[in-house]
């Protein structure tokens, strides 16, 4: 038996008036997921424990079977693992996004945050800009490391876990009240605007109609993580397929195989097919029992507030990932179970994450089931199936039981 998770990041949503009070998942054309739904268990799972923030870090740990209240030490330390930064026990990792703030004559504190991803900036462009920041701001205490796209890392020697606001939570808002209380962190963010706003690369980006990547933004502070081995926990050799440093870092911490897919970049235009083919290969040729296929695009489109593009991302997940995996796995005659779900909702309404339960499909290629469900939030709720402790979903996938 092989085991597959297909994770549509932020795919769940709320009813939208322009869609006839349907969610993007309900409105989208998803024939593959609907075909699976009638042969599967569907329901809702609560991936965010009470009292915890609804981050992709917390939620994906839960889906992988790691109880977040036990294992979570912050988002950035997981990304540090992916980048290859060996943190000391006294280090604090900070997420260092390259964001777009309003370009005006107002003081930095009175600027507005426009775009948390700087028009989904390429890693190549971001590297140039982060190098400019590093040249001016890096010291023995604060070190900067390049990640992927807009997502980068700062290590603070002998720092502290301070309260910081994710930029995607405050899009379109004036930033003053959300800046760090720590004066040095705030000072570096303010100086980064002076370094980046008129950088030649940003001038060229603006001419192309792209948002300037004109400020760094610190958030997600945390300490060195300590995850148990996925294989030791489950008895299954696992692999991760993702374009996002957070997920790659979780895989490193859990001693899973990280599978690199050319053209997988975490955007709407990622290499969906490449991820699907890689998933089957790692199971059938490379000796893994379990694969986690993470697709970032629905979440990014939720943050951008684009209903149309979120629907496009969901439809791509259905036809260009899930259908390929199913067709290729069926052709091998190898029995398998596949869990399809989001980690958390990213509603168009608020353009950030919420803690609401998310819909899941649990499909078993060997089971003989017949139902009339479609895969969406409403019918998942109507099914009556509810997993209160989302970190136990992995047990349902691997054993058919929650415990």
Protein backbone atom coordinates (compact mmCIF):
# COMPACT_ATOMS: atom_id res chain seq x y z
CA UNK A 1 0.00 0.00 0.00
CA UNK A 2 1.23 3.50 -0.90
CA UNK A 3 0.06 6.71 0.75
CA UNK A 4 -0.41 10.15 -0.82
CA UNK A 5 -1.37 13.56 0.54
CA UNK A 6 -2.28 16.27 -1.98
CA UNK A 7 -2.36 19.55 -0.09
CA UNK A 8 -4.03 22.53 -1.79
CA UNK A 9 -2.68 25.32 0.39
CA UNK A 10 -5.41 27.77 1.42
CA UNK A 11 -7.90 26.14 -0.97
CA UNK A 12 -10.89 26.37 1.41
CA UNK A 13 -12.91 29.58 1.42
CA UNK A 14 -16.30 31.14 2.21
CA UNK A 15 -19.39 31.62 0.01
CA UNK A 16 -18.91 34.54 -2.39
CA UNK A 17 -21.81 36.58 -3.72
CA UNK A 18 -20.41 36.91 -7.25
CA UNK A 19 -20.21 33.10 -7.40
CA UNK A 20 -23.87 32.69 -6.48
CA UNK A 21 -22.94 32.20 -2.79
CA UNK A 22 -20.68 29.30 -3.67
CA UNK A 23 -17.07 29.00 -2.53
CA UNK A 24 -14.29 28.90 -5.15
CA UNK A 25 -13.94 25.15 -4.47
CA UNK A 26 -17.67 24.62 -4.96
CA UNK A 27 -17.76 26.80 -8.09
CA UNK A 28 -14.64 25.40 -9.76
CA UNK A 29 -14.85 22.59 -12.30
CA UNK A 30 -13.25 19.70 -10.40
CA UNK A 31 -14.40 16.47 -12.10
CA UNK A 32 -11.53 14.42 -10.68
CA UNK A 33 -12.12 15.39 -7.06
CA UNK A 34 -15.87 14.93 -7.51
CA UNK A 35 -15.27 11.47 -9.01
CA UNK A 36 -13.16 10.55 -6.00
CA UNK A 37 -15.68 12.03 -3.56
CA UNK A 38 -18.37 9.50 -4.47
CA UNK A 39 -15.95 6.65 -3.70
CA UNK A 40 -14.43 8.16 -0.55
CA UNK A 41 -14.96 9.42 2.94
CA UNK A 42 -15.41 13.17 2.94
CA UNK A 43 -15.65 15.44 5.95
CA UNK A 44 -14.14 18.35 7.85
CA UNK A 45 -10.92 18.44 9.86
CA UNK A 46 -9.76 21.10 12.32
CA UNK A 47 -6.06 21.59 11.64
CA UNK A 48 -5.50 24.62 13.89
CA UNK A 49 -5.57 23.87 17.63
CA UNK A 50 -7.42 26.33 19.83
CA UNK A 51 -5.28 29.31 20.75
CA UNK A 52 -2.80 28.93 17.89
CA UNK A 53 -2.46 31.19 14.86
CA UNK A 54 -3.77 29.74 11.57
CA UNK A 55 -0.43 29.62 9.80
CA UNK A 56 0.67 27.25 7.07
CA UNK A 57 3.40 26.13 9.46
CA UNK A 58 0.98 25.05 12.20
CA UNK A 59 -1.52 23.54 9.76
CA UNK A 60 0.94 21.55 7.65
CA UNK A 61 2.60 20.16 10.75
CA UNK A 62 -0.84 18.96 11.81
CA UNK A 63 -1.63 17.34 8.46
CA UNK A 64 1.69 15.50 8.65
CA UNK A 65 0.74 14.18 12.08
CA UNK A 66 2.80 16.49 14.31
CA UNK A 67 0.70 17.97 17.11
CA UNK A 68 1.47 21.68 16.73
CA UNK A 69 1.26 22.48 20.44
CA UNK A 70 4.06 19.98 21.02
CA UNK A 71 6.28 20.52 17.99
CA UNK A 72 5.83 24.13 16.87
CA UNK A 73 8.71 26.51 17.69
CA UNK A 74 8.07 29.14 15.00
CA UNK A 75 7.85 29.31 11.23
CA UNK A 76 11.24 30.74 10.34
CA UNK A 77 13.28 28.00 12.05
CA UNK A 78 11.62 25.46 9.76
CA UNK A 79 12.58 27.54 6.75
CA UNK A 80 16.13 27.76 8.10
CA UNK A 81 16.33 23.98 7.87
CA UNK A 82 15.35 24.15 4.20
CA UNK A 83 17.90 26.82 3.39
CA UNK A 84 20.58 24.83 5.19
CA UNK A 85 21.21 27.23 8.06
CA UNK A 86 22.44 25.33 11.12
CA UNK A 87 20.95 27.34 13.98
CA UNK A 88 22.58 27.56 17.37
CA UNK A 89 20.38 27.02 20.40
CA UNK A 90 20.64 30.75 21.19
CA UNK A 91 19.68 31.86 17.64
CA UNK A 92 16.32 33.31 16.71
CA UNK A 93 15.15 32.89 13.13
CA UNK A 94 13.01 35.58 11.52
CA UNK A 95 11.12 35.40 8.26
CA UNK A 96 12.39 38.27 6.07
CA UNK A 97 9.84 38.89 3.33
CA UNK A 98 10.54 41.33 0.53
CA UNK A 99 7.26 43.25 0.28
CA UNK A 100 5.74 46.23 -1.48
CA UNK A 101 4.83 49.29 0.58
CA UNK A 102 3.31 52.47 -0.82
CA UNK A 103 5.70 54.79 -2.62
CA UNK A 104 4.88 58.25 -1.31
CA UNK A 105 6.37 61.12 0.67
CA UNK A 106 4.89 59.97 3.96
CA UNK A 107 7.09 58.71 6.80
CA UNK A 108 7.71 54.97 6.72
CA UNK A 109 5.29 54.38 9.60
CA UNK A 110 2.47 55.98 7.58
CA UNK A 111 2.96 53.90 4.45
CA UNK A 112 0.51 51.19 3.40
CA UNK A 113 1.41 47.58 2.65
CA UNK A 114 0.40 46.86 -0.94
CA UNK A 115 1.67 43.37 -1.75
CA UNK A 116 3.18 40.71 0.52
CA UNK A 117 4.85 38.97 -2.46
CA UNK A 118 6.04 41.93 -4.59
CA UNK A 119 4.21 40.65 -7.69
CA UNK A 120 5.39 37.10 -6.91
CA UNK A 121 8.99 38.24 -7.34
CA UNK A 122 11.40 35.71 -8.82
CA UNK A 123 14.15 34.29 -6.66
CA UNK A 124 16.68 35.78 -9.09
CA UNK A 125 15.38 39.33 -8.61
CA UNK A 126 14.94 38.87 -4.88
CA UNK A 127 18.53 37.67 -4.53
CA UNK A 128 19.85 40.88 -6.08
CA UNK A 129 17.75 43.01 -3.75
CA UNK A 130 18.55 41.01 -0.62
CA UNK A 131 22.24 41.30 -1.42
CA UNK A 132 21.81 45.10 -1.44
CA UNK A 133 20.14 44.91 1.97
CA UNK A 134 22.83 42.58 3.28
CA UNK A 135 25.61 44.91 2.15
CA UNK A 136 24.14 47.76 4.21
CA UNK A 137 22.53 46.05 7.18
CA UNK A 138 24.22 42.72 7.94
CA UNK A 139 26.30 42.51 11.14
CA UNK A 140 27.64 39.75 13.36
CA UNK A 141 24.30 39.86 15.18
CA UNK A 142 21.93 39.91 12.17
CA UNK A 143 22.66 37.61 9.24
CA UNK A 144 20.60 37.49 6.02
CA UNK A 145 20.00 34.36 3.92
CA UNK A 146 18.34 33.99 0.52
CA UNK A 147 15.30 31.72 0.34
CA UNK A 148 12.75 31.44 -2.46
CA UNK A 149 10.76 34.17 -4.23
CA UNK A 150 9.78 36.79 -1.62
CA UNK A 151 10.47 34.46 1.34
CA UNK A 152 13.87 34.95 3.00
CA UNK A 153 15.54 34.55 6.38
CA UNK A 154 17.32 36.56 9.04
CA UNK A 155 19.16 34.94 11.95
CA UNK A 156 19.38 37.04 15.11
CA UNK A 157 22.26 35.97 17.36
CA UNK A 158 21.17 35.72 20.99
CA UNK A 159 17.85 37.29 20.07
CA UNK A 160 14.40 36.85 21.52
CA UNK A 161 11.08 35.57 20.22
CA UNK A 162 9.24 38.84 19.72
CA UNK A 163 5.65 39.37 18.62
CA UNK A 164 5.59 40.16 14.88
CA UNK A 165 2.75 40.52 12.37
CA UNK A 166 2.61 38.51 9.11
CA UNK A 167 2.45 40.97 6.19
CA UNK A 168 -0.31 39.04 4.43
CA UNK A 169 -2.55 39.69 7.45
CA UNK A 170 -2.49 43.48 7.00
CA UNK A 171 -2.68 44.06 3.24
CA UNK A 172 -3.97 47.58 2.37
CA UNK A 173 -3.44 48.79 5.96
CA UNK A 174 -1.15 51.53 7.26
CA UNK A 175 1.83 49.72 8.74
CA UNK A 176 2.75 51.87 11.75
CA UNK A 177 0.93 49.95 14.49
CA UNK A 178 2.19 46.62 13.08
CA UNK A 179 5.91 47.44 13.06
CA UNK A 180 8.17 45.60 15.53
CA UNK A 181 8.43 46.97 19.03
CA UNK A 182 12.11 46.06 18.94
CA UNK A 183 13.83 49.26 17.80
CA UNK A 184 16.66 47.56 15.87
CA UNK A 185 14.29 45.42 13.82
CA UNK A 186 12.14 48.46 13.08
CA UNK A 187 15.20 50.49 12.11
CA UNK A 188 16.36 47.82 9.64
CA UNK A 189 12.93 47.70 8.02
CA UNK A 190 12.88 51.50 7.62
CA UNK A 191 16.42 51.56 6.19
CA UNK A 192 15.56 48.79 3.75
CA UNK A 193 13.04 51.09 2.07
CA UNK A 194 15.76 53.67 1.46
CA UNK A 195 18.02 50.95 0.05
CA UNK A 196 15.44 49.27 -2.17
CA UNK A 197 12.85 51.73 -3.40
CA UNK A 198 15.07 53.34 -6.05
CA UNK A 199 17.33 50.35 -6.63
CA UNK A 200 17.90 50.01 -10.41
CA UNK A 201 16.22 46.62 -10.43
CA UNK A 202 13.10 48.06 -8.83
CA UNK A 203 13.08 50.93 -11.30
CA UNK A 204 13.08 48.36 -14.11
CA UNK A 205 10.37 46.30 -12.39
CA UNK A 206 8.15 49.37 -12.15
CA UNK A 207 8.60 50.06 -15.88
CA UNK A 208 7.31 46.51 -16.53
CA UNK A 209 4.21 47.15 -14.42
CA UNK A 210 5.47 45.04 -11.50
CA UNK A 211 5.24 46.10 -7.89
CA UNK A 212 8.50 47.36 -6.46
CA UNK A 213 10.01 45.02 -3.88
CA UNK A 214 10.90 47.99 -1.72
CA UNK A 215 10.97 46.87 1.91
CA UNK A 216 11.88 43.91 4.06
CA UNK A 217 9.35 42.70 6.61
CA UNK A 218 10.24 40.62 9.66
CA UNK A 219 7.82 38.06 11.13
CA UNK A 220 7.54 34.43 12.26
CA UNK A 221 10.23 34.50 14.97
CA UNK A 222 11.18 31.18 16.52
CA UNK A 223 13.80 28.92 18.02
CA UNK A 224 15.59 25.87 16.66
CA UNK A 225 13.02 23.13 15.90
CA UNK A 226 13.14 19.50 16.97
CA UNK A 227 10.84 17.20 14.98
CA UNK A 228 10.71 13.44 15.37
CA UNK A 229 11.57 11.39 12.30
CA UNK A 230 8.49 10.78 10.16
CA UNK A 231 9.65 7.25 9.42
CA UNK A 232 10.18 6.46 13.09
CA UNK A 233 6.75 7.91 13.96
CA UNK A 234 4.80 6.14 11.22
CA UNK A 235 6.94 3.30 9.92
CA UNK A 236 6.71 4.85 6.44
CA UNK A 237 9.52 6.33 4.41
CA UNK A 238 8.23 9.74 3.36
CA UNK A 239 8.95 12.32 0.68
CA UNK A 240 8.00 15.98 0.28
CA UNK A 241 7.26 17.76 -3.01
CA UNK A 242 6.93 21.51 -2.54
CA UNK A 243 8.34 24.76 -3.88
CA UNK A 244 8.05 26.45 -0.49
CA UNK A 245 10.95 26.61 1.99
CA UNK A 246 8.60 26.10 4.93
CA UNK A 247 7.47 22.69 3.68
CA UNK A 248 10.98 21.73 2.64
CA UNK A 249 12.17 22.68 6.11
CA UNK A 250 9.52 20.54 7.76
CA UNK A 251 10.72 17.66 5.58
CA UNK A 252 14.34 18.21 6.63
CA UNK A 253 13.32 18.29 10.29
CA UNK A 254 11.25 15.13 9.86
CA UNK A 255 14.06 13.33 7.96
CA UNK A 256 11.91 13.02 4.84
CA UNK A 257 13.20 13.06 1.26
CA UNK A 258 12.90 16.47 -0.44
CA UNK A 259 12.09 16.03 -4.14
CA UNK A 260 13.08 18.95 -6.37
CA UNK A 261 10.86 19.57 -9.41
CA UNK A 262 12.10 21.87 -12.16
CA UNK A 263 9.74 24.79 -12.69
CA UNK A 264 7.96 24.35 -9.35
CA UNK A 265 7.92 27.87 -7.96
CA UNK A 266 4.91 28.24 -5.67
CA UNK A 267 3.01 30.51 -8.08
CA UNK A 268 -0.13 30.13 -10.15
CA UNK A 269 2.09 29.04 -13.05
CA UNK A 270 4.01 26.34 -11.19
CA UNK A 271 4.89 23.01 -12.81
CA UNK A 272 1.80 21.10 -11.69
CA UNK A 273 2.41 18.13 -13.97
CA UNK A 274 6.02 17.84 -12.86
CA UNK A 275 4.91 17.53 -9.24
CA UNK A 276 2.37 14.84 -10.11
CA UNK A 277 4.82 12.74 -12.12
CA UNK A 278 7.47 13.14 -9.40
CA UNK A 279 5.01 11.90 -6.77
CA UNK A 280 4.37 8.65 -8.60
CA UNK A 281 8.06 8.17 -9.34
CA UNK A 282 9.14 8.60 -5.74
CA UNK A 283 6.57 5.99 -4.68
CA UNK A 284 7.04 3.43 -7.43
CA UNK A 285 10.74 3.78 -8.32
CA UNK A 286 12.52 5.42 -5.41
CA UNK A 287 11.37 3.25 -2.52
CA UNK A 288 9.15 5.68 -0.62
CA UNK A 289 5.88 4.63 0.99
CA UNK A 290 4.41 8.10 1.49
CA UNK A 291 4.49 11.35 -0.48
CA UNK A 292 3.20 14.81 0.42
CA UNK A 293 2.44 16.96 -2.64
CA UNK A 294 2.08 20.60 -1.62
CA UNK A 295 0.63 23.18 -4.03
CA UNK A 296 0.90 26.80 -2.91
CA UNK A 297 -1.08 28.54 -5.67
CA UNK A 298 -4.60 28.60 -4.11
CA UNK A 299 -3.20 30.27 -1.00
CA UNK A 300 -1.31 32.89 -3.00
CA UNK A 301 -4.43 33.72 -5.00
CA UNK A 302 -6.42 34.01 -1.77
CA UNK A 303 -3.89 36.49 -0.41
CA UNK A 304 -4.12 38.45 -3.65
CA UNK A 305 -7.90 38.54 -3.36
CA UNK A 306 -8.31 37.10 -6.86
CA UNK A 307 -11.42 34.94 -7.07
CA UNK A 308 -10.82 34.08 -10.72
CA UNK A 309 -7.23 33.00 -10.19
CA UNK A 310 -8.09 30.99 -7.08
CA UNK A 311 -10.62 29.05 -9.13
CA UNK A 312 -7.97 28.56 -11.83
CA UNK A 313 -5.51 27.22 -9.23
CA UNK A 314 -8.09 24.77 -7.86
CA UNK A 315 -8.96 23.53 -11.34
CA UNK A 316 -5.25 23.06 -12.10
CA UNK A 317 -4.84 21.05 -8.91
CA UNK A 318 -7.74 18.83 -9.96
CA UNK A 319 -6.69 18.13 -13.55
CA UNK A 320 -2.94 18.68 -13.58
CA UNK A 321 -2.02 17.07 -10.26
CA UNK A 322 -4.70 14.80 -8.80
CA UNK A 323 -5.91 13.31 -12.10
CA UNK A 324 -2.37 12.53 -13.23
CA UNK A 325 -1.49 10.92 -9.90
CA UNK A 326 -4.65 8.79 -9.93
CA UNK A 327 -4.27 7.71 -13.55
CA UNK A 328 -0.61 6.79 -13.11
CA UNK A 329 -1.14 5.01 -9.80
CA UNK A 330 -4.09 3.05 -11.22
CA UNK A 331 -1.87 1.93 -14.10
CA UNK A 332 0.63 0.40 -11.66
CA UNK A 333 -2.01 -1.80 -9.95
CA UNK A 334 -0.39 -0.83 -6.64
CA UNK A 335 -3.03 -0.26 -3.94
CA UNK A 336 -2.95 3.23 -2.48
CA UNK A 337 -4.77 5.69 -0.27
CA UNK A 338 -4.93 9.39 -1.10
CA UNK A 339 -5.87 12.26 1.22
CA UNK A 340 -6.83 15.53 -0.47
CA UNK A 341 -7.32 18.64 1.67
CA UNK A 342 -6.24 22.23 2.34
CA UNK A 343 -4.16 23.12 5.36
CA UNK A 344 -6.39 26.08 6.27
CA UNK A 345 -8.81 28.44 4.51
CA UNK A 346 -7.52 31.64 2.86
CA UNK A 347 -10.79 33.45 2.15
CA UNK A 348 -10.99 36.04 -0.60
CA UNK A 349 -12.99 38.20 1.82
CA UNK A 350 -10.12 38.81 4.23
CA UNK A 351 -7.10 37.77 2.11
CA UNK A 352 -5.50 35.93 5.02
CA UNK A 353 -5.76 32.62 6.86
CA UNK A 354 -8.59 31.60 9.16
CA UNK A 355 -8.94 28.75 11.66
CA UNK A 356 -12.12 27.23 10.24
CA UNK A 357 -12.17 23.45 9.66
CA UNK A 358 -11.23 22.35 6.16
CA UNK A 359 -12.83 19.76 3.86
CA UNK A 360 -11.06 16.51 3.10
CA UNK A 361 -11.37 13.52 0.77
CA UNK A 362 -9.95 10.20 1.96
CA UNK A 363 -9.80 7.79 -0.99
CA UNK A 364 -8.82 4.11 -0.88
CA UNK A 365 -8.21 2.46 -4.25
CA UNK A 366 -9.19 -0.92 -2.79
CA UNK A 367 -12.45 0.18 -1.17
CA UNK A 368 -15.85 -0.34 -2.75
CA UNK A 369 -17.87 2.73 -1.78
CA UNK A 370 -20.74 4.56 -3.44
CA UNK A 371 -22.08 7.96 -2.43
CA UNK A 372 -23.44 11.13 -4.01
CA UNK A 373 -21.05 13.70 -2.56
CA UNK A 374 -19.19 16.47 -4.35
CA UNK A 375 -16.02 17.83 -2.82
CA UNK A 376 -16.60 21.22 -1.25
CA UNK A 377 -16.94 22.84 2.15
CA UNK A 378 -20.73 22.62 2.34
CA UNK A 379 -21.08 18.96 1.47
CA UNK A 380 -18.11 18.03 3.64
CA UNK A 381 -19.96 19.59 6.57
CA UNK A 382 -23.21 17.88 5.58
CA UNK A 383 -21.44 14.49 5.64
CA UNK A 384 -21.34 14.62 9.43
CA UNK A 385 -17.71 13.44 9.48
CA UNK A 386 -15.58 15.69 11.65
CA UNK A 387 -12.00 15.27 12.89
CA UNK A 388 -11.57 17.58 15.87
CA UNK A 389 -7.84 16.92 16.20
CA UNK A 390 -6.51 17.41 12.69
CA UNK A 391 -3.10 15.94 13.46
CA UNK A 392 -4.83 12.56 13.65
CA UNK A 393 -5.81 12.69 9.98
CA UNK A 394 -2.50 11.03 9.16
CA UNK A 395 -3.60 7.99 11.17
CA UNK A 396 -6.83 7.79 9.18
CA UNK A 397 -4.76 7.82 6.00
CA UNK A 398 -2.23 5.25 7.12
CA UNK A 399 -4.43 2.90 9.14
CA UNK A 400 -8.04 3.89 8.58
CA UNK A 401 -8.33 4.83 12.26
CA UNK A 402 -7.82 8.16 14.07
CA UNK A 403 -5.92 6.69 17.00
